[in-house]
Amino acid sequence: MLARCLALTALLASITSATSAASPGEEPFDGAVFAGPTGTHPGSITANPASLLRITPGVHLFATGVAHVERIAIDRELVDVDGTRRAGPRVEGDTMGAGGQLGGIYAWPGGMIAAAASLLPPDETLSGEDALAYHSNGTRTRRIDWFALGGGYRYGRSIHLAFGATVSERRTILRFKRDTALEAGRDPVRGVTSDCGGTPCGLEHPAAAETWSIDGDPDFLNLGNLVLSGGVLVRLPGETLLGLSYQRPWRKGAYELTGTATVTAAPRDGGLVHQGEATVFVGLPEVWRLGTRTAVGAGWEVVTELRWRRLGQVGPYDVRTHGGDLADAGVPEYYARARGLDDALAVELGVEQADVGQPVLVGLRIGGDTGAARGGRLSPTSPWGPELTASAGVQLRLASRWVIQAGYELGYQPPVTTDASVFDPIDRLDCVDSGYDFDLPACATVRAGAGLPTAGGTYARWDHQAWLALRIEVR
């Protein structure tokens, strides 16, 4: 049985599917039973290292795997040149991915140190769908935690304090189409009223679609790769544990990626491929976590958690192109791509059996999340609206030294219909026609990267996540 468990963990950790969807700022085990600001799950190295001070003294080795599948359905709304809205195509499908984490913990009565490396599921919406391509045609970010280190001390029985640092890369691929007719406004030669194969181009005409592909990697030695975390665990009267943690990038502001840019001209412009270099700037979020764990008798604990992901500070993808033949081909040197993210709050309530050495533990949780994008900010790039979640988990202890945890979380985003989308092509038309008047509200929309073909419509999601963790107490 042990060999099978090890094989399954290794399998989950080795899968690197090209597509998955995960809301920015989430840890792979957020919402997992036995995890969180007061749990002893190994993922707490980055979520709240202070909670690992609860682990039994000794050397612990661990391997975890996580698999993620999402079902997304988008009923698009279309906007015509005159501002008329009408029903558009329905797009639905699955995205999936997996990742894993390996590491170890050394704990003694007064403290602990822990280290881990992780390959986490990539973020992505539906890939390769023409109806979504002006927002995402396969955009994704894969986070790689090359090295995470945490350490902490126990101050008596009541206060545990710990800090952590992670060298974390976010390799990003941007894939999207650019409507060259929309970019030219109402110009009769190049704009939405110009000719595309015998008819006016209008909006989203395939003949005017320019295709962009940008592969961006961070500089490994850049301090922007460093993410800091700190946490405290306090024992309150009434057998209650209170955990608080904070996670932030070492350097606030833009996270820089450098790489290649390939731009394929629109069919009406000959369809030639142009290449050069690109620099992409994007912000990273801060995350606060607050949780409690209270003994309620008969070997059970009530667990709560509140997460605040400060996504509003992330901002758009700030894309800069240079080199090669891009400038000669008329490719913009600066192009912003809005993400529409808002701060997100998640709350969870659950019950778990207290771990006092028994062979089997079980736990359940329910929760809700306000979503990373809401209302008119929803888009195929950021389809994460308000969500309800439920999770279950089981822990098996074998021969006192082996601990296996397995769990599953189901998330459901009820259909959300946007009102006026912030991604409004009419704003770009008005801005271009004004000569890019800085004071015009429509031009503020364009500067933020949101003057694109509309992202209006109805968004729904089913989210499935499963994880498996194996911990071995060496001594």
Protein backbone atom coordinates (compact mmCIF):
# COMPACT_ATOMS: atom_id res chain seq x y z
CA MET A 1 0.00 0.00 0.00
CA LEU A 2 2.84 2.38 0.85
CA ALA A 3 4.42 1.91 -2.57
CA ARG A 4 1.10 2.72 -4.22
CA CYS A 5 0.70 5.91 -2.18
CA LEU A 6 4.21 7.05 -3.08
CA ALA A 7 3.60 6.32 -6.74
CA LEU A 8 0.34 8.25 -6.77
CA THR A 9 1.94 11.26 -5.07
CA ALA A 10 4.79 11.24 -7.57
CA LEU A 11 2.33 11.03 -10.44
CA LEU A 12 0.35 14.04 -9.26
CA ALA A 13 3.51 16.03 -8.71
CA SER A 14 4.87 15.25 -12.16
CA ILE A 15 1.86 16.16 -14.31
CA THR A 16 2.46 19.46 -16.10
CA SER A 17 -0.60 19.96 -18.25
CA ALA A 18 -0.52 23.16 -20.29
CA THR A 19 -3.82 24.51 -19.05
CA SER A 20 -5.44 25.19 -15.73
CA ALA A 21 -7.36 28.00 -14.13
CA ALA A 22 -6.62 29.44 -10.72
CA SER A 23 -7.50 32.80 -9.31
CA PRO A 24 -4.42 35.00 -8.74
CA GLY A 25 -3.04 35.16 -5.23
CA GLU A 26 -4.26 31.70 -4.24
CA GLU A 27 -2.08 29.02 -2.72
CA PRO A 28 -2.73 25.52 -4.12
CA PHE A 29 -4.04 24.32 -0.74
CA ASP A 30 -6.26 27.28 0.15
CA GLY A 31 -9.53 25.78 1.36
CA ALA A 32 -7.99 22.36 1.97
CA VAL A 33 -9.02 20.45 5.07
CA PHE A 34 -6.16 20.28 7.63
CA ALA A 35 -4.50 23.34 6.00
CA GLY A 36 -4.80 27.08 6.60
CA PRO A 37 -3.32 29.55 9.13
CA THR A 38 -3.70 27.07 12.03
CA GLY A 39 -3.12 23.73 10.25
CA THR A 40 -0.01 21.59 10.02
CA HIS A 41 -0.26 21.01 6.26
CA PRO A 42 3.18 21.37 4.56
CA GLY A 43 1.76 24.07 2.27
CA SER A 44 1.80 26.38 5.29
CA ILE A 45 5.48 27.11 4.59
CA THR A 46 4.20 29.90 2.36
CA ALA A 47 0.67 30.38 3.80
CA ASN A 48 1.57 30.68 7.50
CA PRO A 49 4.90 29.16 8.60
CA ALA A 50 3.97 29.72 12.27
CA SER A 51 1.37 26.95 12.07
CA LEU A 52 4.12 24.38 11.41
CA LEU A 53 5.37 24.96 14.95
CA ARG A 54 2.49 22.68 16.00
CA ILE A 55 4.14 19.69 14.36
CA THR A 56 5.67 16.99 16.58
CA PRO A 57 9.44 17.31 17.19
CA GLY A 58 11.60 15.41 14.75
CA VAL A 59 12.50 15.32 11.07
CA HIS A 60 9.57 15.20 8.64
CA LEU A 61 9.85 14.68 4.89
CA PHE A 62 6.83 15.39 2.73
CA ALA A 63 5.56 15.22 -0.83
CA THR A 64 2.29 16.73 -1.99
CA GLY A 65 0.44 16.72 -5.28
CA VAL A 66 -2.51 18.77 -6.49
CA ALA A 67 -4.72 18.31 -9.55
CA HIS A 68 -7.07 21.04 -10.75
CA VAL A 69 -9.94 20.90 -13.24
CA GLU A 70 -12.32 23.73 -14.09
CA ARG A 71 -15.43 23.80 -16.23
CA ILE A 72 -16.04 27.29 -17.60
CA ALA A 73 -19.05 28.48 -19.60
CA ILE A 74 -19.22 31.96 -21.15
CA ASP A 75 -22.21 33.33 -23.05
CA ARG A 76 -20.65 36.29 -24.79
CA GLU A 77 -22.31 39.58 -25.53
CA LEU A 78 -21.31 41.44 -28.69
CA VAL A 79 -21.23 45.19 -29.28
CA ASP A 80 -21.68 46.72 -32.71
CA VAL A 81 -20.02 49.91 -33.94
CA ASP A 82 -23.13 51.94 -33.13
CA GLY A 83 -23.14 50.64 -29.54
CA THR A 84 -25.95 48.12 -30.04
CA ARG A 85 -25.60 45.02 -27.86
CA ARG A 86 -26.65 41.58 -28.94
CA ALA A 87 -26.22 37.96 -27.89
CA GLY A 88 -22.96 36.34 -28.98
CA PRO A 89 -21.57 32.80 -29.08
CA ARG A 90 -21.47 30.40 -26.15
CA VAL A 91 -18.07 28.99 -25.27
CA GLU A 92 -17.54 26.23 -22.75
CA GLY A 93 -14.91 23.70 -21.95
CA ASP A 94 -12.49 22.32 -19.38
CA THR A 95 -9.08 23.49 -18.30
CA MET A 96 -6.84 21.29 -16.22
CA GLY A 97 -3.41 21.08 -14.70
CA ALA A 98 -1.39 19.73 -11.83
CA GLY A 99 1.63 20.48 -9.71
CA GLY A 100 3.48 19.29 -6.67
CA GLN A 101 5.65 20.17 -3.69
CA LEU A 102 8.63 18.41 -2.07
CA GLY A 103 10.35 19.38 1.14
CA GLY A 104 11.22 18.74 4.75
CA ILE A 105 10.67 20.07 8.26
CA TYR A 106 12.93 19.81 11.28
CA ALA A 107 11.08 20.60 14.52
CA TRP A 108 12.35 20.69 18.10
CA PRO A 109 10.59 21.73 21.31
CA GLY A 110 11.55 25.38 20.86
CA GLY A 111 11.13 25.90 17.11
CA MET A 112 11.36 24.57 13.58
CA ILE A 113 12.90 25.12 10.16
CA ALA A 114 11.29 24.03 6.90
CA ALA A 115 12.24 24.02 3.22
CA ALA A 116 10.32 23.15 0.08
CA ALA A 117 10.26 23.46 -3.70
CA SER A 118 7.03 23.63 -5.70
CA LEU A 119 5.72 23.45 -9.24
CA LEU A 120 2.21 24.87 -9.13
CA PRO A 121 -0.69 24.58 -11.61
CA PRO A 122 -0.69 27.28 -14.30
CA ASP A 123 -3.32 30.01 -14.51
CA GLU A 124 -5.31 30.03 -17.72
CA THR A 125 -8.75 30.48 -19.20
CA LEU A 126 -10.04 28.47 -22.13
CA SER A 127 -7.34 28.09 -24.74
CA GLY A 128 -7.55 28.53 -28.48
CA GLU A 129 -11.18 29.71 -28.68
CA ASP A 130 -11.66 32.31 -31.44
CA ALA A 131 -14.64 33.83 -29.65
CA LEU A 132 -12.39 34.73 -26.69
CA ALA A 133 -9.16 35.42 -28.54
CA TYR A 134 -9.21 39.23 -28.22
CA HIS A 135 -8.82 38.69 -24.47
CA SER A 136 -7.07 35.33 -24.18
CA ASN A 137 -5.92 32.94 -26.85
CA GLY A 138 -3.97 30.74 -24.44
CA THR A 139 -2.57 33.26 -21.91
CA ARG A 140 -1.17 31.51 -18.85
CA THR A 141 1.21 31.95 -15.92
CA ARG A 142 3.02 29.07 -14.25
CA ARG A 143 4.45 29.72 -10.82
CA ILE A 144 7.60 27.88 -9.80
CA ASP A 145 8.77 28.15 -6.19
CA TRP A 146 12.40 27.22 -6.66
CA PHE A 147 13.09 27.37 -2.96
CA ALA A 148 10.96 28.20 0.08
CA LEU A 149 12.50 28.49 3.52
CA GLY A 150 10.67 29.04 6.78
CA GLY A 151 11.68 29.13 10.42
CA GLY A 152 10.16 30.01 13.75
CA TYR A 153 10.27 29.84 17.52
CA ARG A 154 7.86 29.03 20.33
CA TYR A 155 7.62 31.68 23.01
CA GLY A 156 6.26 29.60 25.84
CA ARG A 157 3.06 27.68 25.25
CA SER A 158 0.99 30.58 23.95
CA ILE A 159 2.89 32.39 21.18
CA HIS A 160 4.46 30.94 18.04
CA LEU A 161 6.21 33.28 15.60
CA ALA A 162 7.71 32.42 12.19
CA PHE A 163 8.98 33.95 8.97
CA GLY A 164 9.49 32.62 5.47
CA ALA A 165 10.98 33.59 2.12
CA THR A 166 10.37 32.07 -1.29
CA VAL A 167 12.27 32.45 -4.55
CA SER A 168 9.24 32.34 -6.84
CA GLU A 169 9.19 32.73 -10.62
CA ARG A 170 6.06 33.42 -12.65
CA ARG A 171 6.69 32.39 -16.23
CA THR A 172 4.04 34.08 -18.32
CA ILE A 173 2.82 33.48 -21.86
CA LEU A 174 0.52 36.10 -23.36
CA ARG A 175 -1.57 34.99 -26.34
CA PHE A 176 -4.22 37.29 -27.79
CA LYS A 177 -5.54 38.93 -30.94
CA ARG A 178 -5.58 42.65 -31.61
CA ASP A 179 -8.37 44.23 -33.66
CA THR A 180 -6.47 46.55 -36.01
CA ALA A 181 -9.71 48.10 -37.29
CA LEU A 182 -10.79 48.99 -33.75
CA GLU A 183 -7.32 50.39 -33.03
CA ALA A 184 -7.74 52.81 -35.96
CA GLY A 185 -11.07 54.17 -34.69
CA ARG A 186 -13.53 55.37 -37.30
CA ASP A 187 -10.84 56.22 -39.83
CA PRO A 188 -12.31 55.46 -43.31
CA VAL A 189 -9.06 53.91 -44.56
CA ARG A 190 -8.04 51.68 -41.61
CA GLY A 191 -10.86 51.88 -39.08
CA VAL A 192 -14.10 50.05 -38.43
CA THR A 193 -15.76 51.46 -41.55
CA SER A 194 -12.89 50.46 -43.85
CA ASP A 195 -13.00 47.49 -46.23
CA CYS A 196 -12.44 43.91 -45.06
CA GLY A 197 -13.02 41.66 -48.04
CA GLY A 198 -15.85 43.66 -49.55
CA THR A 199 -17.69 44.56 -46.31
CA PRO A 200 -17.02 47.12 -43.55
CA CYS A 201 -14.64 45.68 -40.97
CA GLY A 202 -16.78 46.58 -37.98
CA LEU A 203 -15.60 44.94 -34.77
CA GLU A 204 -13.84 41.57 -34.43
CA HIS A 205 -13.57 40.92 -38.18
CA PRO A 206 -11.14 38.03 -38.82
CA ALA A 207 -9.49 39.91 -41.69
CA ALA A 208 -8.39 42.66 -39.26
CA ALA A 209 -7.17 40.34 -36.48
CA GLU A 210 -3.49 40.66 -35.62
CA THR A 211 -2.11 37.78 -33.51
CA TRP A 212 0.31 38.35 -30.61
CA SER A 213 2.44 35.78 -28.80
CA ILE A 214 4.75 36.84 -25.97
CA ASP A 215 6.84 34.46 -23.89
CA GLY A 216 8.14 36.14 -20.76
CA ASP A 217 10.52 34.86 -18.08
CA PRO A 218 11.82 36.74 -15.05
CA ASP A 219 15.53 37.19 -14.38
CA PHE A 220 16.33 34.46 -11.86
CA LEU A 221 18.62 36.75 -9.84
CA ASN A 222 16.05 39.55 -9.69
CA LEU A 223 14.95 40.47 -6.15
CA GLY A 224 11.46 40.81 -7.64
CA ASN A 225 11.34 36.98 -7.47
CA LEU A 226 11.51 37.04 -3.68
CA VAL A 227 8.24 36.68 -1.75
CA LEU A 228 8.22 37.19 2.01
CA SER A 229 5.80 35.73 4.53
CA GLY A 230 5.36 36.01 8.24
CA GLY A 231 2.91 34.62 10.72
CA VAL A 232 1.95 34.29 14.34
CA LEU A 233 -0.01 31.60 16.15
CA VAL A 234 -1.48 32.50 19.53
CA ARG A 235 -3.17 30.20 22.02
CA LEU A 236 -6.20 31.97 23.51
CA PRO A 237 -8.29 31.02 26.54
CA GLY A 238 -10.82 28.30 25.87
CA GLU A 239 -8.45 26.09 23.84
CA THR A 240 -8.58 28.37 20.81
CA LEU A 241 -5.71 28.93 18.41
CA LEU A 242 -5.57 32.21 16.47
CA GLY A 243 -3.38 32.35 13.37
CA LEU A 244 -2.49 35.46 11.37
CA SER A 245 -0.17 35.63 8.36
CA TYR A 246 0.93 38.14 5.74
CA GLN A 247 2.52 37.45 2.37
CA ARG A 248 3.98 40.10 0.06
CA PRO A 249 6.53 40.49 -2.72
CA TRP A 250 9.93 41.76 -1.65
CA ARG A 251 9.50 44.75 -3.91
CA LYS A 252 6.09 46.26 -4.44
CA GLY A 253 5.20 47.53 -7.86
CA ALA A 254 5.98 46.03 -11.25
CA TYR A 255 7.28 42.49 -11.62
CA GLU A 256 9.44 42.43 -14.76
CA LEU A 257 9.43 39.68 -17.38
CA THR A 258 11.60 39.63 -20.49
CA GLY A 259 11.30 37.43 -23.54
CA THR A 260 10.34 37.19 -27.18
CA ALA A 261 7.47 38.75 -29.09
CA THR A 262 5.97 37.26 -32.25
CA VAL A 263 3.30 39.29 -34.02
CA THR A 264 1.47 37.92 -37.06
CA ALA A 265 -0.02 40.68 -39.20
CA ALA A 266 -3.75 40.65 -39.90
CA PRO A 267 -4.81 38.83 -43.07
CA ARG A 268 -5.78 42.14 -44.70
CA ASP A 269 -2.19 43.30 -44.05
CA GLY A 270 -0.55 40.27 -45.62
CA GLY A 271 -0.28 37.94 -42.61
CA LEU A 272 3.51 38.26 -42.35
CA VAL A 273 5.23 37.17 -39.15
CA HIS A 274 7.29 39.78 -37.30
CA GLN A 275 9.59 39.06 -34.40
CA GLY A 276 11.43 40.96 -31.71
CA GLU A 277 11.73 41.23 -27.97
CA ALA A 278 9.28 42.12 -25.24
CA THR A 279 9.32 43.34 -21.67
CA VAL A 280 6.20 42.83 -19.56
CA PHE A 281 5.51 44.54 -16.23
CA VAL A 282 2.79 43.31 -13.88
CA GLY A 283 2.13 43.79 -10.18
CA LEU A 284 1.96 41.01 -7.60
CA PRO A 285 -0.62 40.78 -4.80
CA GLU A 286 -0.35 40.88 -1.05
CA VAL A 287 -2.30 38.28 0.92
CA TRP A 288 -3.57 38.34 4.51
CA ARG A 289 -4.88 35.21 6.27
CA LEU A 290 -6.67 35.04 9.61
CA GLY A 291 -7.86 31.77 11.11
CA THR A 292 -9.02 30.13 14.33
CA ARG A 293 -9.14 26.56 15.60
CA THR A 294 -11.28 25.83 18.68
CA ALA A 295 -11.71 22.53 20.54
CA VAL A 296 -15.42 21.75 20.98
CA GLY A 297 -15.27 18.44 22.83
CA ALA A 298 -15.52 14.80 21.75
CA GLY A 299 -12.27 15.19 19.82
CA TRP A 300 -13.52 17.78 17.32
CA GLU A 301 -12.31 21.27 16.39
CA VAL A 302 -14.15 24.13 14.70
CA VAL A 303 -11.98 25.85 12.10
CA THR A 304 -12.49 29.29 10.52
CA GLU A 305 -10.47 31.24 7.99
CA LEU A 306 -10.64 34.66 6.35
CA ARG A 307 -8.41 35.45 3.36
CA TRP A 308 -7.91 38.89 1.86
CA ARG A 309 -6.12 38.88 -1.49
CA ARG A 310 -5.16 42.42 -2.44
CA LEU A 311 -5.52 41.93 -6.18
CA GLY A 312 -6.61 45.47 -6.97
CA GLN A 313 -2.96 46.55 -6.83
CA VAL A 314 -1.88 44.04 -9.49
CA GLY A 315 -2.88 46.26 -12.42
CA PRO A 316 -2.71 45.44 -16.15
CA TYR A 317 -0.10 43.62 -18.17
CA ASP A 318 2.17 46.47 -19.30
CA VAL A 319 3.65 45.17 -22.56
CA ARG A 320 6.68 46.87 -24.18
CA THR A 321 7.98 45.63 -27.54
CA HIS A 322 11.34 46.42 -29.14
CA GLY A 323 13.96 45.08 -31.49
CA GLY A 324 13.67 42.90 -34.57
CA ASP A 325 11.35 44.20 -37.28
CA LEU A 326 8.46 45.04 -34.93
CA ALA A 327 8.76 48.82 -35.19
CA ASP A 328 9.06 48.71 -38.99
CA ALA A 329 5.87 46.62 -39.10
CA GLY A 330 3.97 49.26 -37.11
CA VAL A 331 3.65 47.13 -33.97
CA PRO A 332 2.94 49.39 -30.96
CA GLU A 333 5.92 49.86 -28.67
CA TYR A 334 3.57 50.07 -25.67
CA TYR A 335 0.38 48.06 -25.27
CA ALA A 336 -1.53 47.62 -21.99
CA ARG A 337 -3.71 44.56 -21.36
CA ALA A 338 -6.23 45.08 -18.56
CA ARG A 339 -6.96 42.21 -16.16
CA GLY A 340 -9.94 43.68 -14.31
CA LEU A 341 -8.94 42.35 -10.90
CA ASP A 342 -10.50 43.45 -7.60
CA ASP A 343 -9.52 42.70 -4.02
CA ALA A 344 -11.02 39.35 -3.04
CA LEU A 345 -12.30 38.10 0.31
CA ALA A 346 -12.84 34.43 1.12
CA VAL A 347 -14.36 33.01 4.29
CA GLU A 348 -14.49 29.38 5.41
CA LEU A 349 -16.03 27.40 8.27
CA GLY A 350 -15.31 23.77 9.02
CA VAL A 351 -15.03 20.94 11.50
CA GLU A 352 -12.04 18.60 11.81
CA GLN A 353 -11.12 15.83 14.19
CA ALA A 354 -8.30 16.75 16.54
CA ASP A 355 -5.08 14.87 15.84
CA VAL A 356 -4.16 12.96 18.98
CA GLY A 357 -2.45 10.06 17.24
CA GLN A 358 -5.50 8.09 16.12
CA PRO A 359 -5.26 6.21 12.78
CA VAL A 360 -8.02 8.11 10.94
CA LEU A 361 -9.09 11.77 10.90
CA VAL A 362 -11.81 13.41 8.82
CA GLY A 363 -12.80 17.02 8.18
CA LEU A 364 -15.31 19.13 6.27
CA ARG A 365 -15.40 22.80 5.21
CA ILE A 366 -17.75 25.17 3.45
CA GLY A 367 -16.98 28.68 2.27
CA GLY A 368 -17.51 31.56 -0.09
CA ASP A 369 -15.28 33.87 -2.12
CA THR A 370 -16.16 37.30 -3.49
CA GLY A 371 -14.08 36.50 -6.58
CA ALA A 372 -11.07 38.11 -8.21
CA ALA A 373 -13.22 39.96 -10.77
CA ARG A 374 -16.80 41.07 -10.36
CA GLY A 375 -19.56 42.67 -12.41
CA GLY A 376 -18.31 44.51 -15.45
CA ARG A 377 -14.70 43.47 -14.71
CA LEU A 378 -15.27 39.83 -15.63
CA SER A 379 -13.52 38.74 -18.80
CA PRO A 380 -12.12 35.59 -20.43
CA THR A 381 -8.76 36.62 -18.92
CA SER A 382 -10.28 36.91 -15.43
CA PRO A 383 -13.46 34.78 -15.27
CA TRP A 384 -13.34 34.35 -11.48
CA GLY A 385 -16.58 35.75 -10.03
CA PRO A 386 -18.18 35.06 -6.63
CA GLU A 387 -17.91 31.39 -5.72
CA LEU A 388 -19.25 28.88 -3.17
CA THR A 389 -16.95 26.08 -2.00
CA ALA A 390 -17.15 22.80 -0.10
CA SER A 391 -14.27 20.49 0.75
CA ALA A 392 -13.66 17.21 2.52
CA GLY A 393 -10.51 15.46 3.65
CA VAL A 394 -9.19 12.37 5.39
CA GLN A 395 -5.91 11.67 7.15
CA LEU A 396 -4.47 8.17 7.63
CA ARG A 397 -1.67 7.43 10.08
CA LEU A 398 0.31 4.27 9.33
CA ALA A 399 2.75 2.69 11.78
CA SER A 400 2.91 6.00 13.71
CA ARG A 401 5.50 7.52 11.34
CA TRP A 402 3.58 7.75 8.08
CA VAL A 403 0.82 10.31 7.57
CA ILE A 404 -1.26 10.46 4.40
CA GLN A 405 -3.71 13.28 3.75
CA ALA A 406 -6.15 13.34 0.84
CA GLY A 407 -8.84 15.85 0.04
CA TYR A 408 -11.21 17.26 -2.53
CA GLU A 409 -12.74 20.70 -2.99
CA LEU A 410 -15.73 21.63 -5.14
CA GLY A 411 -16.31 25.23 -6.15
CA TYR A 412 -19.37 26.61 -7.90
CA GLN A 413 -19.70 30.04 -9.44
CA PRO A 414 -23.39 30.71 -10.15
CA PRO A 415 -24.00 32.36 -13.52
CA VAL A 416 -23.08 36.05 -13.33
CA THR A 417 -24.26 38.44 -16.05
CA THR A 418 -22.18 41.57 -16.42
CA ASP A 419 -23.85 44.94 -16.69
CA ALA A 420 -21.81 47.46 -18.63
CA SER A 421 -18.42 45.82 -19.22
CA VAL A 422 -15.33 47.91 -18.50
CA PHE A 423 -13.96 46.34 -21.68
CA ASP A 424 -15.83 48.66 -24.03
CA PRO A 425 -14.74 49.01 -27.67
CA ILE A 426 -16.76 52.21 -28.05
CA ASP A 427 -14.39 53.89 -25.59
CA ARG A 428 -11.45 53.14 -27.88
CA LEU A 429 -13.32 54.42 -30.92
CA ASP A 430 -14.14 57.66 -29.11
CA CYS A 431 -10.60 58.03 -27.77
CA VAL A 432 -8.96 57.52 -31.16
CA ASP A 433 -11.38 59.93 -32.82
CA SER A 434 -10.58 62.58 -30.17
CA GLY A 435 -6.90 62.43 -31.03
CA TYR A 436 -6.21 60.67 -27.71
CA ASP A 437 -7.50 63.53 -25.57
CA PHE A 438 -5.88 62.92 -22.18
CA ASP A 439 -8.81 64.36 -20.25
CA LEU A 440 -11.44 62.24 -22.00
CA PRO A 441 -12.81 59.42 -19.75
CA ALA A 442 -12.80 57.08 -22.75
CA CYS A 443 -9.04 57.58 -23.09
CA ALA A 444 -8.52 56.69 -19.43
CA THR A 445 -10.15 53.36 -20.27
CA VAL A 446 -7.73 52.89 -23.19
CA ARG A 447 -4.68 53.78 -21.06
CA ALA A 448 -5.77 51.11 -18.57
CA GLY A 449 -5.80 48.54 -21.40
CA ALA A 450 -9.57 48.00 -21.28
CA GLY A 451 -10.66 49.53 -24.60
CA LEU A 452 -11.03 46.12 -26.23
CA PRO A 453 -13.79 44.07 -27.84
CA THR A 454 -16.37 43.70 -25.10
CA ALA A 455 -16.06 41.06 -22.40
CA GLY A 456 -19.73 41.43 -21.48
CA GLY A 457 -21.86 38.34 -21.07
CA THR A 458 -22.69 35.60 -18.58
CA TYR A 459 -19.97 33.64 -16.77
CA ALA A 460 -20.36 30.36 -14.86
CA ARG A 461 -17.79 27.94 -13.42
CA TRP A 462 -17.40 24.56 -11.73
CA ASP A 463 -14.06 24.09 -9.99
CA HIS A 464 -12.66 20.69 -8.90
CA GLN A 465 -9.43 20.33 -6.96
CA ALA A 466 -7.92 17.21 -5.40
CA TRP A 467 -4.75 16.89 -3.37
CA LEU A 468 -2.65 14.19 -1.80
CA ALA A 469 0.04 14.73 0.83
CA LEU A 470 2.46 12.21 2.28
CA ARG A 471 4.53 13.01 5.39
CA ILE A 472 7.18 10.72 6.87
CA GLU A 473 8.49 11.24 10.38
CA VAL A 474 12.11 10.12 10.08
CA ARG A 475 12.76 10.23 13.81
